[in-house]
N, C-alpha and C. Protein backbone atom coordinates (compact mmCIF):
# COMPACT_ATOMS: atom_id res chain seq x y z
N UNK A 1 94.04 108.41 123.67
CA UNK A 1 93.35 108.23 122.71
C UNK A 1 92.37 109.47 122.37
N UNK A 2 91.98 110.07 121.32
CA UNK A 2 91.33 111.18 120.95
C UNK A 2 89.80 110.64 120.34
N UNK A 3 88.72 111.45 120.66
CA UNK A 3 87.59 110.94 119.91
C UNK A 3 87.71 111.82 118.60
N UNK A 4 86.71 111.33 117.47
CA UNK A 4 86.48 111.51 116.20
C UNK A 4 86.22 112.85 116.30
N UNK A 5 85.49 113.63 117.10
CA UNK A 5 85.09 115.08 117.11
C UNK A 5 86.29 115.74 117.85
N UNK A 6 87.14 115.55 118.32
CA UNK A 6 88.58 115.98 118.86
C UNK A 6 89.75 116.33 117.66
N UNK A 7 89.49 115.00 117.03
CA UNK A 7 90.58 114.86 115.71
C UNK A 7 90.10 115.73 114.81
N UNK A 8 88.76 116.32 114.65
CA UNK A 8 88.44 117.09 113.22
C UNK A 8 87.98 116.34 112.12
N UNK A 9 88.03 114.68 112.40
CA UNK A 9 87.52 113.90 111.07
C UNK A 9 85.98 113.86 111.45
N UNK A 10 84.88 114.18 110.27
CA UNK A 10 83.92 113.97 110.59
C UNK A 10 83.00 112.62 110.87
N UNK A 11 82.14 112.24 111.42
CA UNK A 11 81.81 111.06 111.84
C UNK A 11 81.00 110.33 110.64
N UNK A 12 81.07 110.82 109.35
CA UNK A 12 80.58 110.34 108.41
C UNK A 12 81.78 109.90 107.66
N UNK A 13 82.87 110.09 107.94
CA UNK A 13 84.14 109.75 107.33
C UNK A 13 84.64 108.31 107.86
N UNK A 14 84.62 108.61 109.33
CA UNK A 14 84.92 107.79 109.94
C UNK A 14 83.93 106.59 110.11
N UNK A 15 82.50 106.52 110.03
CA UNK A 15 81.65 105.84 109.79
C UNK A 15 81.36 104.77 108.30
N UNK A 16 82.24 105.64 107.48
CA UNK A 16 82.05 105.20 106.03
C UNK A 16 83.31 104.34 105.58
N UNK A 17 84.43 104.73 106.37
CA UNK A 17 85.82 104.08 106.50
C UNK A 17 85.58 102.54 106.89
N UNK A 18 84.75 102.67 107.96
CA UNK A 18 84.56 101.37 108.69
C UNK A 18 83.55 100.39 108.09
N UNK A 19 82.77 101.07 107.35
CA UNK A 19 82.00 100.31 106.80
C UNK A 19 82.36 99.62 105.79
N UNK A 20 83.30 100.31 104.69
CA UNK A 20 84.30 99.87 103.63
C UNK A 20 84.85 98.60 103.82
N UNK A 21 85.73 98.69 105.20
CA UNK A 21 86.53 97.54 105.90
C UNK A 21 85.66 96.81 106.21
N UNK A 22 84.34 96.90 106.83
CA UNK A 22 83.76 95.60 106.93
C UNK A 22 82.97 94.91 105.89
N UNK A 23 82.53 95.34 105.00
CA UNK A 23 82.02 95.12 104.01
C UNK A 23 82.84 94.28 103.06
N UNK A 24 84.34 94.90 103.24
CA UNK A 24 85.25 94.01 102.59
C UNK A 24 86.02 92.95 103.26
N UNK A 25 85.97 92.78 104.31
CA UNK A 25 86.21 91.55 105.26
C UNK A 25 85.22 90.61 105.28
N UNK A 26 84.12 91.17 105.52
CA UNK A 26 82.83 90.33 105.13
C UNK A 26 82.60 89.39 103.44
N UNK A 27 82.93 90.55 102.57
CA UNK A 27 83.01 89.68 101.11
C UNK A 27 84.41 88.60 101.10
N UNK A 28 85.34 88.61 102.12
CA UNK A 28 86.41 87.58 102.06
C UNK A 28 86.16 86.36 102.43
N UNK A 29 85.25 86.71 103.66
CA UNK A 29 84.63 85.80 104.85
C UNK A 29 83.41 84.79 103.81
N UNK A 30 82.80 85.50 102.68
CA UNK A 30 81.68 85.09 101.75
C UNK A 30 82.37 84.24 100.90
N UNK A 31 83.59 84.34 100.55
CA UNK A 31 84.29 83.96 99.30
C UNK A 31 85.24 82.67 100.07
N UNK A 32 85.54 83.05 101.29
CA UNK A 32 86.08 81.67 101.82
C UNK A 32 84.99 80.64 102.24
N UNK A 33 83.79 80.96 102.19
CA UNK A 33 82.50 80.07 102.76
C UNK A 33 82.42 79.53 101.23
N UNK A 34 82.14 79.98 100.17
CA UNK A 34 81.94 79.20 98.93
C UNK A 34 82.88 78.45 98.70
N UNK A 35 84.11 78.51 99.01
CA UNK A 35 85.65 77.90 98.51
C UNK A 35 85.10 76.72 99.45
N UNK A 36 85.03 76.81 100.66
CA UNK A 36 84.96 75.64 101.86
C UNK A 36 83.74 74.90 101.39
N UNK A 37 82.46 75.40 100.48
CA UNK A 37 81.27 74.54 100.26
C UNK A 37 80.96 74.06 98.91
N UNK A 38 82.36 74.35 97.93
CA UNK A 38 82.66 74.25 96.43
C UNK A 38 82.03 72.70 96.19
N UNK A 39 81.97 71.85 97.18
CA UNK A 39 81.21 70.54 96.65
C UNK A 39 79.79 70.51 96.39
N UNK A 40 79.18 71.05 97.53
CA UNK A 40 77.93 71.83 96.78
C UNK A 40 77.35 72.15 95.91
N UNK A 41 78.47 73.19 95.14
CA UNK A 41 78.18 73.74 93.85
C UNK A 41 78.71 72.71 92.82
N UNK A 42 79.20 71.58 93.34
CA UNK A 42 79.87 71.08 91.73
C UNK A 42 78.69 70.21 92.07
N UNK A 43 77.99 69.48 93.19
CA UNK A 43 77.02 68.45 93.08
C UNK A 43 75.99 68.96 91.97
N UNK A 44 75.68 70.02 92.52
CA UNK A 44 74.03 70.84 91.97
C UNK A 44 74.99 71.03 90.30
N UNK A 45 75.49 71.40 90.09
CA UNK A 45 76.08 71.66 88.55
C UNK A 45 76.11 70.07 87.88
N UNK A 46 76.67 69.49 88.55
CA UNK A 46 76.53 67.93 87.80
C UNK A 46 74.73 67.43 87.79
N UNK A 47 74.39 67.66 88.98
CA UNK A 47 73.07 67.34 88.51
C UNK A 47 72.23 67.88 87.39
N UNK A 48 72.28 69.41 87.36
CA UNK A 48 71.81 70.17 86.40
C UNK A 48 72.38 70.01 84.78
N UNK A 49 73.51 69.53 84.74
CA UNK A 49 73.91 69.34 83.75
C UNK A 49 72.93 68.05 82.49
N UNK A 50 72.84 68.50 81.48
CA UNK A 50 72.07 68.19 80.37
C UNK A 50 72.86 67.05 79.25
N UNK A 51 73.96 67.55 79.44
CA UNK A 51 74.99 67.69 77.92
C UNK A 51 75.98 66.62 78.01
N UNK A 52 75.73 65.63 77.70
CA UNK A 52 76.52 63.84 78.07
C UNK A 52 78.09 64.33 77.47
N UNK A 53 78.75 65.23 76.54
CA UNK A 53 80.02 65.58 76.55
C UNK A 53 80.48 66.22 77.77
N UNK A 54 80.14 67.01 78.49
CA UNK A 54 80.62 67.27 79.73
C UNK A 54 80.46 66.41 80.98
N UNK A 55 81.74 66.04 80.89
CA UNK A 55 81.71 65.13 82.61
C UNK A 55 81.59 65.57 83.73
N UNK A 56 81.49 64.74 84.79
CA UNK A 56 81.63 65.73 86.17
C UNK A 56 82.95 66.00 86.05
N UNK A 57 83.91 65.23 86.17
CA UNK A 57 85.51 66.12 86.47
C UNK A 57 85.50 67.02 85.45
N UNK A 58 84.93 67.33 84.77
CA UNK A 58 85.16 69.09 83.76
C UNK A 58 84.63 69.86 84.87
N UNK A 59 83.09 69.17 85.12
CA UNK A 59 82.39 70.32 86.05
C UNK A 59 83.29 70.70 87.39
N UNK A 60 83.68 70.01 87.84
CA UNK A 60 84.53 69.77 89.05
C UNK A 60 85.78 70.76 89.32
N UNK A 61 86.38 70.79 87.74
CA UNK A 61 87.55 71.24 87.69
C UNK A 61 87.12 72.65 87.45
N UNK A 62 86.35 72.92 86.60
CA UNK A 62 85.56 74.53 86.35
C UNK A 62 85.59 75.19 87.75
N UNK A 63 84.75 74.23 88.20
CA UNK A 63 84.16 75.21 89.87
C UNK A 63 85.34 75.18 90.58
N UNK A 64 86.36 74.53 90.60
CA UNK A 64 87.57 74.69 91.21
C UNK A 64 88.56 75.72 90.99
N UNK A 65 88.68 76.02 89.84
CA UNK A 65 88.92 77.00 89.22
C UNK A 65 88.44 78.25 89.27
N UNK A 66 87.03 78.46 89.23
CA UNK A 66 86.01 79.57 89.63
C UNK A 66 86.15 79.79 91.00
N UNK A 67 86.30 78.96 91.92
CA UNK A 67 86.06 79.44 93.37
C UNK A 67 87.14 80.06 93.26
N UNK A 68 88.44 79.50 93.45
CA UNK A 68 89.84 80.32 93.40
C UNK A 68 89.95 81.55 93.02
N UNK A 69 89.64 81.41 91.67
CA UNK A 69 89.79 82.77 91.08
C UNK A 69 88.72 83.65 92.01
N UNK A 70 87.37 83.53 92.15
CA UNK A 70 86.82 84.22 92.60
C UNK A 70 87.52 85.07 94.41
N UNK A 71 88.31 83.84 95.09
CA UNK A 71 88.38 84.31 96.28
C UNK A 71 89.91 85.42 95.83
N UNK A 72 90.49 85.01 94.83
CA UNK A 72 91.70 85.81 94.94
C UNK A 72 91.37 86.90 94.51
N UNK A 73 90.46 87.28 93.47
CA UNK A 73 90.04 88.92 93.03
C UNK A 73 89.09 89.41 94.04
N UNK A 74 88.56 88.33 95.03
CA UNK A 74 87.80 89.44 96.07
C UNK A 74 88.91 89.85 97.07
N UNK A 75 89.92 89.10 97.60
CA UNK A 75 91.28 89.59 98.12
C UNK A 75 91.42 90.88 97.90
N UNK A 76 91.89 90.68 96.69
CA UNK A 76 92.83 92.06 95.93
C UNK A 76 91.78 93.31 95.90
N UNK A 77 90.31 93.22 95.45
CA UNK A 77 89.61 94.05 95.50
C UNK A 77 89.20 94.61 97.25
N UNK A 78 89.04 93.79 98.01
CA UNK A 78 89.31 93.85 99.24
C UNK A 78 90.16 94.84 99.73
N UNK A 79 91.48 94.12 99.77
CA UNK A 79 92.80 95.19 100.40
C UNK A 79 92.83 96.46 99.29
N UNK A 80 92.47 96.69 97.96
CA UNK A 80 92.43 97.81 97.32
C UNK A 80 91.44 98.58 98.03
N UNK A 81 90.03 98.08 98.34
CA UNK A 81 89.08 99.16 98.71
C UNK A 81 89.31 99.77 100.08
N UNK A 82 89.82 99.00 100.65
CA UNK A 82 90.42 98.97 102.25
C UNK A 82 91.47 100.65 102.43
N UNK A 83 92.65 100.34 101.61
CA UNK A 83 93.18 101.11 101.44
C UNK A 83 92.94 102.03 101.02
N UNK A 84 92.44 102.43 100.08
CA UNK A 84 91.68 103.54 99.21
C UNK A 84 90.85 104.24 100.02
N UNK A 85 90.09 103.42 101.05
CA UNK A 85 89.23 104.01 102.19
C UNK A 85 90.17 104.64 103.46
N UNK A 86 91.25 104.63 103.65
CA UNK A 86 92.13 104.63 104.34
C UNK A 86 92.84 106.32 103.87
N UNK A 87 93.06 106.17 102.74
CA UNK A 87 93.56 107.57 101.86
C UNK A 87 92.12 108.47 102.22
N UNK A 88 90.98 108.13 102.15
CA UNK A 88 89.81 109.22 102.10
C UNK A 88 90.01 109.63 103.34
N UNK A 89 90.32 108.46 104.25
CA UNK A 89 90.01 109.15 105.70
C UNK A 89 91.19 109.98 106.24
N UNK A 90 92.13 109.85 105.62
CA UNK A 90 93.50 110.86 105.60
C UNK A 90 93.18 111.86 105.29
N UNK A 91 91.93 112.47 103.97
CA UNK A 91 92.02 113.56 103.93
C UNK A 91 92.18 113.35 101.88
N UNK A 92 92.20 112.78 101.83
CA UNK A 92 92.60 112.50 100.05
C UNK A 92 91.42 112.52 99.19
N UNK A 93 91.00 113.46 98.82
CA UNK A 93 90.05 113.62 98.08
C UNK A 93 89.74 112.63 96.67
N UNK A 94 90.95 112.41 95.96
CA UNK A 94 90.75 111.92 95.34
C UNK A 94 90.46 110.35 94.84
N UNK A 95 91.14 109.73 96.28
CA UNK A 95 90.93 108.39 96.41
C UNK A 95 89.12 108.19 96.58
N UNK A 96 88.48 108.88 96.67
CA UNK A 96 87.19 108.35 96.61
C UNK A 96 86.42 107.93 95.49
N UNK A 97 87.11 108.43 94.16
CA UNK A 97 86.71 108.03 93.06
C UNK A 97 87.17 106.78 92.51
N UNK A 98 88.48 106.69 93.05
CA UNK A 98 89.16 105.35 92.79
C UNK A 98 88.42 104.12 93.72
N UNK A 99 88.12 104.45 94.90
CA UNK A 99 87.19 103.61 95.74
C UNK A 99 85.80 103.22 95.28
N UNK A 100 85.51 104.35 94.62
CA UNK A 100 83.94 104.15 94.22
C UNK A 100 84.07 102.96 92.52
N UNK A 101 85.30 103.46 91.96
CA UNK A 101 85.59 102.73 90.87
C UNK A 101 85.35 100.88 91.34
N UNK A 102 86.52 100.87 92.10
CA UNK A 102 86.85 99.34 92.88
C UNK A 102 85.51 98.87 93.53
N UNK A 103 84.75 99.50 94.39
CA UNK A 103 83.38 99.01 94.86
C UNK A 103 82.59 98.58 93.93
N UNK A 104 82.54 99.43 92.90
CA UNK A 104 81.45 99.07 91.50
C UNK A 104 81.98 97.49 91.20
N UNK A 105 83.19 97.43 90.37
CA UNK A 105 83.92 96.47 89.70
C UNK A 105 83.58 95.34 90.92
N UNK A 106 84.06 95.48 92.32
CA UNK A 106 83.69 94.31 93.24
C UNK A 106 82.27 93.72 93.11
N UNK A 107 81.16 95.03 93.29
CA UNK A 107 79.88 94.54 93.29
C UNK A 107 79.24 93.66 91.58
N UNK A 108 79.97 94.09 91.13
CA UNK A 108 79.86 93.50 89.62
C UNK A 108 80.33 92.22 89.39
N UNK A 109 81.34 92.00 90.10
CA UNK A 109 81.89 90.94 90.25
C UNK A 109 81.43 89.35 91.15
N UNK A 110 80.93 90.33 92.18
CA UNK A 110 79.62 89.30 93.12
C UNK A 110 78.90 88.89 92.56
N UNK A 111 78.27 89.77 91.75
CA UNK A 111 76.96 89.22 91.13
C UNK A 111 76.97 88.47 90.10
N UNK A 112 78.38 88.34 89.40
CA UNK A 112 78.89 87.01 88.29
C UNK A 112 79.06 86.13 88.98
N UNK A 113 79.92 86.30 90.39
CA UNK A 113 80.52 84.79 90.81
C UNK A 113 79.93 84.20 92.39
N UNK A 114 79.29 85.19 93.07
CA UNK A 114 79.23 84.78 94.83
C UNK A 114 77.84 85.66 94.76
N UNK A 115 76.58 85.33 94.86
CA UNK A 115 75.67 85.72 95.31
C UNK A 115 75.34 86.25 96.90
N UNK A 116 76.03 85.47 97.47
CA UNK A 116 76.37 85.63 98.91
C UNK A 116 77.03 86.98 99.30
N UNK A 117 78.01 87.42 98.27
CA UNK A 117 78.77 88.30 98.44
C UNK A 117 78.14 89.96 98.24
N UNK A 118 77.02 89.57 97.44
CA UNK A 118 76.34 90.92 97.00
C UNK A 118 76.06 91.88 98.24
N UNK A 119 75.44 91.27 99.10
CA UNK A 119 75.28 91.88 100.50
C UNK A 119 76.39 92.83 100.92
N UNK A 120 77.70 91.78 100.92
CA UNK A 120 78.66 92.52 101.83
C UNK A 120 79.25 93.85 100.57
N UNK A 121 78.92 93.56 99.64
CA UNK A 121 79.46 94.80 98.60
C UNK A 121 78.51 95.93 98.86
N UNK A 122 77.42 95.69 98.64
CA UNK A 122 76.37 96.79 99.30
C UNK A 122 76.83 97.25 100.94
N UNK A 123 76.99 96.49 101.56
CA UNK A 123 77.77 97.41 102.75
C UNK A 123 78.80 98.11 102.32
N UNK A 124 79.86 97.85 101.85
CA UNK A 124 80.90 98.75 101.33
C UNK A 124 80.58 99.44 100.55
N UNK A 125 79.35 99.62 99.48
CA UNK A 125 79.02 100.48 98.69
C UNK A 125 78.40 101.52 99.63
N UNK A 126 77.81 101.12 101.18
CA UNK A 126 76.95 102.26 101.76
C UNK A 126 78.13 103.15 102.75
N UNK A 127 79.15 102.25 102.87
CA UNK A 127 80.12 103.37 103.15
C UNK A 127 80.77 104.53 102.27
N UNK A 128 81.12 104.00 101.29
CA UNK A 128 81.26 104.74 100.23
C UNK A 128 80.52 106.17 99.63
N UNK A 129 79.21 105.72 99.96
CA UNK A 129 77.76 106.68 99.92
C UNK A 129 78.10 108.20 101.03
N UNK A 130 78.49 107.42 102.56
CA UNK A 130 78.81 108.52 103.37
C UNK A 130 79.92 109.17 103.05
N UNK A 131 80.77 109.02 102.56
CA UNK A 131 81.94 109.49 101.44
C UNK A 131 81.54 110.84 101.21
N UNK A 132 80.09 110.42 100.50
CA UNK A 132 80.01 111.79 99.22
C UNK A 132 78.89 112.68 99.97
N UNK A 133 78.33 112.58 101.21
CA UNK A 133 78.08 113.68 102.24
C UNK A 133 78.11 114.61 102.06
N UNK A 134 77.54 115.47 102.40
CA UNK A 134 78.05 117.08 102.04
C UNK A 134 79.06 117.60 103.39
N UNK A 135 79.28 116.81 104.76
CA UNK A 135 79.85 116.82 105.49
C UNK A 135 81.27 116.30 105.72
N UNK A 136 81.42 115.23 104.73
CA UNK A 136 82.42 114.92 104.41
C UNK A 136 83.09 115.51 103.33
N UNK A 137 82.50 115.78 102.16
CA UNK A 137 82.85 116.49 100.69
C UNK A 137 83.36 118.10 101.46
N UNK A 138 82.71 118.64 102.03
CA UNK A 138 83.21 119.93 102.82
C UNK A 138 84.71 119.46 103.56
N UNK A 139 84.98 118.64 104.77
CA UNK A 139 86.27 118.13 105.17
C UNK A 139 87.28 117.64 104.09
N UNK A 140 86.91 116.96 103.01
CA UNK A 140 88.02 116.35 102.13
C UNK A 140 88.38 117.55 101.20
N UNK A 141 87.62 118.89 101.05
CA UNK A 141 88.07 120.01 100.22
C UNK A 141 88.79 120.52 101.04
N UNK A 142 88.78 120.78 102.58
CA UNK A 142 89.17 121.70 103.22
C UNK A 142 90.51 121.07 103.61
N UNK A 143 90.42 119.54 103.39
CA UNK A 143 92.16 118.97 103.92
C UNK A 143 92.93 119.12 102.78
N UNK A 144 91.98 118.97 100.95
CA UNK A 144 92.54 119.23 100.05
C UNK A 144 93.42 120.80 99.82
N UNK A 145 92.46 121.75 100.38
CA UNK A 145 93.31 123.17 100.56
C UNK A 145 94.31 123.55 101.39
N UNK A 146 94.60 122.40 102.33
CA UNK A 146 95.74 122.88 103.21
C UNK A 146 97.05 121.89 102.88
N UNK A 147 96.66 121.31 101.37
CA UNK A 147 98.15 120.52 101.36
C UNK A 147 98.58 121.32 100.20
């Protein structure tokens, strides 16, 4: 096994990759946590409901759909983010922009659906920031010129 210094990949690229992967994985875990605790969300929404036209069954079914959609979207965005981070780690500079868009969509989505996931999305965004450091940009530009 070679160390990152021997392979020529800067530490900012490797650290950024692992932060994106870790943040994405933690986001999936946060979505699973919310799925497992959806009854607490349903109970809170039923207690906060002031409209007699909205039944507790309607609230429960809406929460089930919301939590399931949140999990599926989080899984898709996490997979896409990890794949794009791998492409950046391999030296494809264009993947950085796609990763930025994916992580920003994920951050916005977490703000809307899962406040616990905001922290995990910010961990992944911290990894993205490392991809924009000068050392990373120089490495990606050099790799781009080799191909």
